[in-house]
Every structure is written in C-alpha cells, then in structure tokens.
C-alpha atoms as a PDB file:
ATOM      1  CA  MET A   1      74.636  38.234  96.664  1.00  0.00           C
ATOM      2  CA  SER A   2      76.826  34.993  97.532  1.00  0.00           C
ATOM      3  CA  ALA A   3      75.762  32.405 100.150  1.00  0.00           C
ATOM      4  CA  GLN A   4      78.237  31.246 102.368  1.00  0.00           C
ATOM      5  CA  HIS A   5      77.482  27.998 104.960  1.00  0.00           C
ATOM      6  CA  GLY A   6      79.170  26.840 107.938  1.00  0.00           C
ATOM      7  CA  TYR A   7      80.595  23.314 108.454  1.00  0.00           C
ATOM      8  CA  ALA A   8      81.427  21.685 112.109  1.00  0.00           C
ATOM      9  CA  ALA A   9      83.310  19.178 111.963  1.00  0.00           C
ATOM     10  CA  THR A  10      85.246  17.266 115.661  1.00  0.00           C
ATOM     11  CA  THR A  11      88.010  15.014 115.170  1.00  0.00           C
ATOM     12  CA  ARG A  12      88.446  13.503 118.269  1.00  0.00           C
ATOM     13  CA  TRP A  13      91.979  11.132 118.891  1.00  0.00           C
ATOM     14  CA  THR A  14      91.285   7.669 120.740  1.00  0.00           C
ATOM     15  CA  GLY A  15      94.654   6.340 120.863  1.00  0.00           C
ATOM     16  CA  ALA A  16      96.720   7.186 123.687  1.00  0.00           C
ATOM     17  CA  GLY A  17      96.418   4.348 125.165  1.00  0.00           C
ATOM     18  CA  ASP A  18      98.860   3.946 128.202  1.00  0.00           C
ATOM     19  CA  ARG A  19     102.024   5.761 126.520  1.00  0.00           C
ATOM     20  CA  GLY A  20      99.851   8.643 124.281  1.00  0.00           C
ATOM     21  CA  THR A  21     102.813  10.151 122.107  1.00  0.00           C
ATOM     22  CA  ALA A  22     106.175   8.496 124.279  1.00  0.00           C
ATOM     23  CA  SER A  23     107.504   7.821 120.905  1.00  0.00           C
ATOM     24  CA  TYR A  24     106.372   7.260 116.893  1.00  0.00           C
ATOM     25  CA  THR A  25     105.691   3.808 117.931  1.00  0.00           C
ATOM     26  CA  ALA A  26     103.982   4.328 120.973  1.00  0.00           C
ATOM     27  CA  TYR A  27     100.350   5.168 119.993  1.00  0.00           C
ATOM     28  CA  SER A  28      97.708   4.652 117.632  1.00  0.00           C
ATOM     29  CA  ARG A  29      96.642   6.508 115.131  1.00  0.00           C
ATOM     30  CA  ASP A  30      92.684   6.078 115.853  1.00  0.00           C
ATOM     31  CA  HIS A  31      90.533   8.727 115.862  1.00  0.00           C
ATOM     32  CA  GLU A  32      86.305   9.773 115.111  1.00  0.00           C
ATOM     33  CA  VAL A  33      85.289  11.991 113.245  1.00  0.00           C
ATOM     34  CA  LEU A  34      82.336  13.293 114.917  1.00  0.00           C
ATOM     35  CA  LEU A  35      79.201  15.378 113.292  1.00  0.00           C
ATOM     36  CA  ASP A  36      76.349  16.264 114.993  1.00  0.00           C
ATOM     37  CA  GLY A  37      73.630  14.074 114.577  1.00  0.00           C
ATOM     38  CA  ARG A  38      75.664  11.803 112.378  1.00  0.00           C
ATOM     39  CA  PRO A  39      77.887   8.285 113.770  1.00  0.00           C
ATOM     40  CA  PRO A  40      81.388   8.629 114.603  1.00  0.00           C
ATOM     41  CA  LEU A  41      83.607   7.794 111.326  1.00  0.00           C
ATOM     42  CA  PRO A  42      86.207   5.529 112.551  1.00  0.00           C
ATOM     43  CA  GLY A  43      89.865   6.603 111.234  1.00  0.00           C
ATOM     44  CA  SER A  44      93.399   6.227 111.283  1.00  0.00           C
ATOM     45  CA  ALA A  45      96.179   7.221 109.621  1.00  0.00           C
ATOM     46  CA  ASP A  46      96.783   5.634 105.607  1.00  0.00           C
ATOM     47  CA  PRO A  47      98.502   2.078 107.083  1.00  0.00           C
ATOM     48  CA  ALA A  48     101.824   3.729 105.274  1.00  0.00           C
ATOM     49  CA  PHE A  49     102.013   5.628 108.653  1.00  0.00           C
ATOM     50  CA  ARG A  50     101.100   3.441 110.990  1.00  0.00           C
ATOM     51  CA  GLY A  51      97.313   3.937 110.489  1.00  0.00           C
ATOM     52  CA  ASP A  52      94.611   0.976 110.944  1.00  0.00           C
ATOM     53  CA  PRO A  53      93.390  -0.617 107.243  1.00  0.00           C
ATOM     54  CA  THR A  54      90.012  -1.165 108.339  1.00  0.00           C
ATOM     55  CA  ARG A  55      89.549   2.506 109.545  1.00  0.00           C
ATOM     56  CA  TYR A  56      89.270   5.541 106.892  1.00  0.00           C
ATOM     57  CA  SER A  57      91.986   7.405 105.748  1.00  0.00           C
ATOM     58  CA  PRO A  58      91.528  11.565 105.800  1.00  0.00           C
ATOM     59  CA  GLU A  59      93.325  10.980 101.866  1.00  0.00           C
ATOM     60  CA  GLU A  60      90.640   8.359 101.140  1.00  0.00           C
ATOM     61  CA  LEU A  61      88.080  10.549 101.830  1.00  0.00           C
ATOM     62  CA  PHE A  62      89.434  14.074 100.741  1.00  0.00           C
ATOM     63  CA  LEU A  63      89.732  11.520  97.337  1.00  0.00           C
ATOM     64  CA  ALA A  64      85.356  10.595  97.832  1.00  0.00           C
ATOM     65  CA  SER A  65      84.912  13.663  99.010  1.00  0.00           C
ATOM     66  CA  LEU A  66      85.867  14.802  95.944  1.00  0.00           C
ATOM     67  CA  SER A  67      83.750  11.998  93.896  1.00  0.00           C
ATOM     68  CA  GLN A  68      80.726  12.520  95.731  1.00  0.00           C
ATOM     69  CA  CYS A  69      81.412  16.477  94.623  1.00  0.00           C
ATOM     70  CA  HIS A  70      81.163  15.185  91.007  1.00  0.00           C
ATOM     71  CA  MET A  71      78.526  12.537  91.317  1.00  0.00           C
ATOM     72  CA  LEU A  72      76.193  15.262  93.123  1.00  0.00           C
ATOM     73  CA  TRP A  73      76.460  18.133  90.835  1.00  0.00           C
ATOM     74  CA  PHE A  74      76.246  15.294  87.805  1.00  0.00           C
ATOM     75  CA  LEU A  75      73.022  14.187  88.603  1.00  0.00           C
ATOM     76  CA  HIS A  76      71.913  17.263  89.887  1.00  0.00           C
ATOM     77  CA  LEU A  77      72.478  18.880  86.253  1.00  0.00           C
ATOM     78  CA  ALA A  78      71.419  15.887  84.286  1.00  0.00           C
ATOM     79  CA  ALA A  79      68.107  15.800  86.055  1.00  0.00           C
ATOM     80  CA  ALA A  80      67.660  20.139  85.105  1.00  0.00           C
ATOM     81  CA  ALA A  81      68.383  19.038  81.581  1.00  0.00           C
ATOM     82  CA  GLY A  82      66.021  16.199  81.981  1.00  0.00           C
ATOM     83  CA  VAL A  83      68.289  13.005  81.062  1.00  0.00           C
ATOM     84  CA  VAL A  84      67.260  10.100  83.480  1.00  0.00           C
ATOM     85  CA  VAL A  85      70.209   8.860  85.251  1.00  0.00           C
ATOM     86  CA  ARG A  86      69.816   5.243  86.746  1.00  0.00           C
ATOM     87  CA  GLU A  87      72.998   4.491  87.726  1.00  0.00           C
ATOM     88  CA  TYR A  88      76.264   5.720  88.762  1.00  0.00           C
ATOM     89  CA  VAL A  89      79.342   4.822  89.705  1.00  0.00           C
ATOM     90  CA  ASP A  90      83.075   6.355  90.438  1.00  0.00           C
ATOM     91  CA  ASP A  91      86.440   4.205  90.765  1.00  0.00           C
ATOM     92  CA  ALA A  92      88.084   7.512  91.496  1.00  0.00           C
ATOM     93  CA  THR A  93      91.779   6.964  91.637  1.00  0.00           C
ATOM     94  CA  GLY A  94      94.733   9.956  93.251  1.00  0.00           C
ATOM     95  CA  THR A  95      98.706   9.987  93.733  1.00  0.00           C
ATOM     96  CA  MET A  96      99.879  11.405  97.123  1.00  0.00           C
ATOM     97  CA  ARG A  97     104.037  12.212  96.733  1.00  0.00           C
ATOM     98  CA  VAL A  98     105.555  12.277 100.464  1.00  0.00           C
ATOM     99  CA  GLU A  99     108.575  15.252 100.327  1.00  0.00           C
ATOM    100  CA  SER A 100     112.303  13.096 102.401  1.00  0.00           C
ATOM    101  CA  GLY A 101     111.405  15.774 105.144  1.00  0.00           C
ATOM    102  CA  GLY A 102     107.591  13.913 105.466  1.00  0.00           C
ATOM    103  CA  GLU A 103     105.284  16.759 103.910  1.00  0.00           C
ATOM    104  CA  GLY A 104     103.498  15.478 100.790  1.00  0.00           C
ATOM    105  CA  GLN A 105     100.289  16.487  99.040  1.00  0.00           C
ATOM    106  CA  PHE A 106      98.041  15.362  95.865  1.00  0.00           C
ATOM    107  CA  THR A 107      99.306  15.796  92.653  1.00  0.00           C
ATOM    108  CA  ASP A 108      96.533  14.634  91.027  1.00  0.00           C
ATOM    109  CA  VAL A 109      93.074  12.662  90.860  1.00  0.00           C
ATOM    110  CA  THR A 110      91.515  11.341  87.866  1.00  0.00           C
ATOM    111  CA  LEU A 111      87.039  11.015  88.693  1.00  0.00           C
ATOM    112  CA  HIS A 112      85.937   7.289  86.491  1.00  0.00           C
ATOM    113  CA  PRO A 113      83.216   7.664  86.556  1.00  0.00           C
ATOM    114  CA  ARG A 114      80.330   4.894  84.867  1.00  0.00           C
ATOM    115  CA  VAL A 115      76.429   6.319  84.733  1.00  0.00           C
ATOM    116  CA  VAL A 116      73.887   4.005  83.002  1.00  0.00           C
ATOM    117  CA  VAL A 117      70.877   6.691  81.386  1.00  0.00           C
ATOM    118  CA  ASP A 118      67.153   6.497  79.891  1.00  0.00           C
ATOM    119  CA  ASP A 119      68.020   6.471  76.285  1.00  0.00           C
ATOM    120  CA  GLY A 120      66.096   9.971  75.438  1.00  0.00           C
ATOM    121  CA  PRO A 121      67.272  13.740  74.047  1.00  0.00           C
ATOM    122  CA  GLY A 122      70.719  14.667  75.514  1.00  0.00           C
ATOM    123  CA  THR A 123      71.868  11.575  76.417  1.00  0.00           C
ATOM    124  CA  ASP A 124      75.060  10.945  73.763  1.00  0.00           C
ATOM    125  CA  GLU A 125      78.686  10.483  74.487  1.00  0.00           C
ATOM    126  CA  ALA A 126      78.759  14.319  73.507  1.00  0.00           C
ATOM    127  CA  ALA A 127      75.776  15.836  76.096  1.00  0.00           C
ATOM    128  CA  LEU A 128      76.997  13.434  78.659  1.00  0.00           C
ATOM    129  CA  ALA A 129      80.601  14.558  78.261  1.00  0.00           C
ATOM    130  CA  THR A 130      78.746  18.518  78.754  1.00  0.00           C
ATOM    131  CA  LEU A 131      77.080  17.955  81.632  1.00  0.00           C
ATOM    132  CA  HIS A 132      80.365  16.198  83.024  1.00  0.00           C
ATOM    133  CA  GLN A 133      82.128  18.980  82.526  1.00  0.00           C
ATOM    134  CA  ARG A 134      79.774  21.340  83.890  1.00  0.00           C
ATOM    135  CA  ALA A 135      80.015  18.984  86.998  1.00  0.00           C
ATOM    136  CA  HIS A 136      83.570  19.602  87.577  1.00  0.00           C
ATOM    137  CA  ASP A 137      83.106  23.681  86.692  1.00  0.00           C
ATOM    138  CA  HIS A 138      80.629  23.363  89.809  1.00  0.00           C
ATOM    139  CA  CYS A 139      82.137  21.067  91.867  1.00  0.00           C
ATOM    140  CA  PHE A 140      82.748  23.064  95.334  1.00  0.00           C
ATOM    141  CA  ILE A 141      85.717  20.956  96.553  1.00  0.00           C
ATOM    142  CA  ALA A 142      87.933  20.363  92.762  1.00  0.00           C
ATOM    143  CA  ARG A 143      87.718  23.911  92.504  1.00  0.00           C
ATOM    144  CA  SER A 144      89.342  24.107  96.019  1.00  0.00           C
ATOM    145  CA  VAL A 145      92.449  22.053  95.111  1.00  0.00           C
ATOM    146  CA  ASN A 146      95.347  23.109  93.952  1.00  0.00           C
ATOM    147  CA  PHE A 147      95.833  20.507  91.878  1.00  0.00           C
ATOM    148  CA  ARG A 148      94.132  19.441  88.656  1.00  0.00           C
ATOM    149  CA  VAL A 149      91.318  16.885  89.001  1.00  0.00           C
ATOM    150  CA  LEU A 150      90.750  14.711  85.503  1.00  0.00           C
ATOM    151  CA  VAL A 151      87.403  13.250  84.964  1.00  0.00           C
ATOM    152  CA  GLU A 152      87.283  10.021  82.640  1.00  0.00           C
ATOM    153  CA  PRO A 153      83.951   9.116  81.652  1.00  0.00           C
ATOM    154  CA  ALA A 154      83.740   5.302  80.710  1.00  0.00           C
ATOM    155  CA  PRO A 155      81.339   5.652  77.332  1.00  0.00           C
ATOM    156  CA  ALA A 156      77.020   5.540  78.814  1.00  0.00           C
ATOM    157  CA  PRO A 157      75.197   2.572  78.054  1.00  0.00           C
ATOM    158  CA  PRO A 158      71.316   3.281  77.960  1.00  0.00           C
ATOM    159  CA  ALA A 159      69.425   1.770  81.226  1.00  0.00           C
ATOM    160  CA  ALA A 160      67.858  -0.704  78.971  1.00  0.00           C
ATOM    161  CA  ALA A 161      71.045  -2.167  77.943  1.00  0.00           C
ATOM    162  CA  ALA A 162      72.319  -2.117  81.129  1.00  0.00           C
ATOM    163  CA  ARG A 163      68.856  -4.469  82.486  1.00  0.00           C
ATOM    164  CA  PRO A 164      69.320  -8.013  82.003  1.00  0.00           C
ATOM    165  CA  ALA A 165      66.658  -9.161  80.514  1.00  0.00           C
ATOM    166  CA  ARG A 166      63.719 -11.418  82.560  1.00  0.00           C
END
C-alpha cells in the first residue's frame, strides 16, 4: 500500500502598484510564497524577466528543491548504512532553455555534492557513490521531472582530514 502526502502553498502577488498589468512594464513581479506557520518567502521573476534580483525566483527554488531532496535522501541512507556524515555542500547548477515564443523548460540539472565523512566501513569512494545513486533513485523531486538530473559528487575527504588542526 502506498502512502500519499498532501502539500499546500499560497502564492500572493504583491506587485500590482498603481497600474496593475496595464502594460508588460507597468507591474512588479514581486510576490510572496506563504506556507502555513512559516515566514513569507519573498519571490520574484528571474532578473532576465524583469524580476527583483534580491528575491527568490521559481527557477532558483526549483533547482534548490532538487538539491535539497538529494541531500536529505543521502543523509538518510548514510545514517541507515552507519556512515557518519559531518558536512554536506552541493553547488547545484541547471540550464533552462527559453524558446522564441517565450515558453521554456529546464534541460539539465547537475548536482555537485561534497561530503565529509568519518573514516570507517562504507566510506570509500565506491560506497559513497552508491549512496549518491540510491539517493538519486529515491529523490521525489528528481523522479518527478522530465529531464535528466546528473549527480557528480566530489571525492570525500575523511572528517579528520577536513578539520583544521588545533
């Protein structure tokens, strides 16, 4: 039997100003994403589409959701395998193609996770690569997109080697 989880978010446009959408340049793309019980998330369009660069764009949040999902699955699987992860950083990148008519889509995303682990069983590069592959296979977001998400982990130094000597 499968479980189902429901999610809800409210997106409220805050950029009508005095003129609303009287013209393409008359309105702000600013909005808030509201999630129950949490502070508003300030959103806007990508600056290439007249958005505010100090706010989060849907494209950035989409990329971040892929990165977050992979990380959370990796940490879960590492803990279950007895691998102690001390640090995790992912500098994810993605490409979106915009067609001549204005429609577009992401064509690729690459995750670049860097982890620091305690030395021990299951911490060699092959075992960590397997954990990354399993995390990718389980990631709800990556399984929901219609393009390939690549995972290119950096070699993982042991935690002791990554910490500065005191």
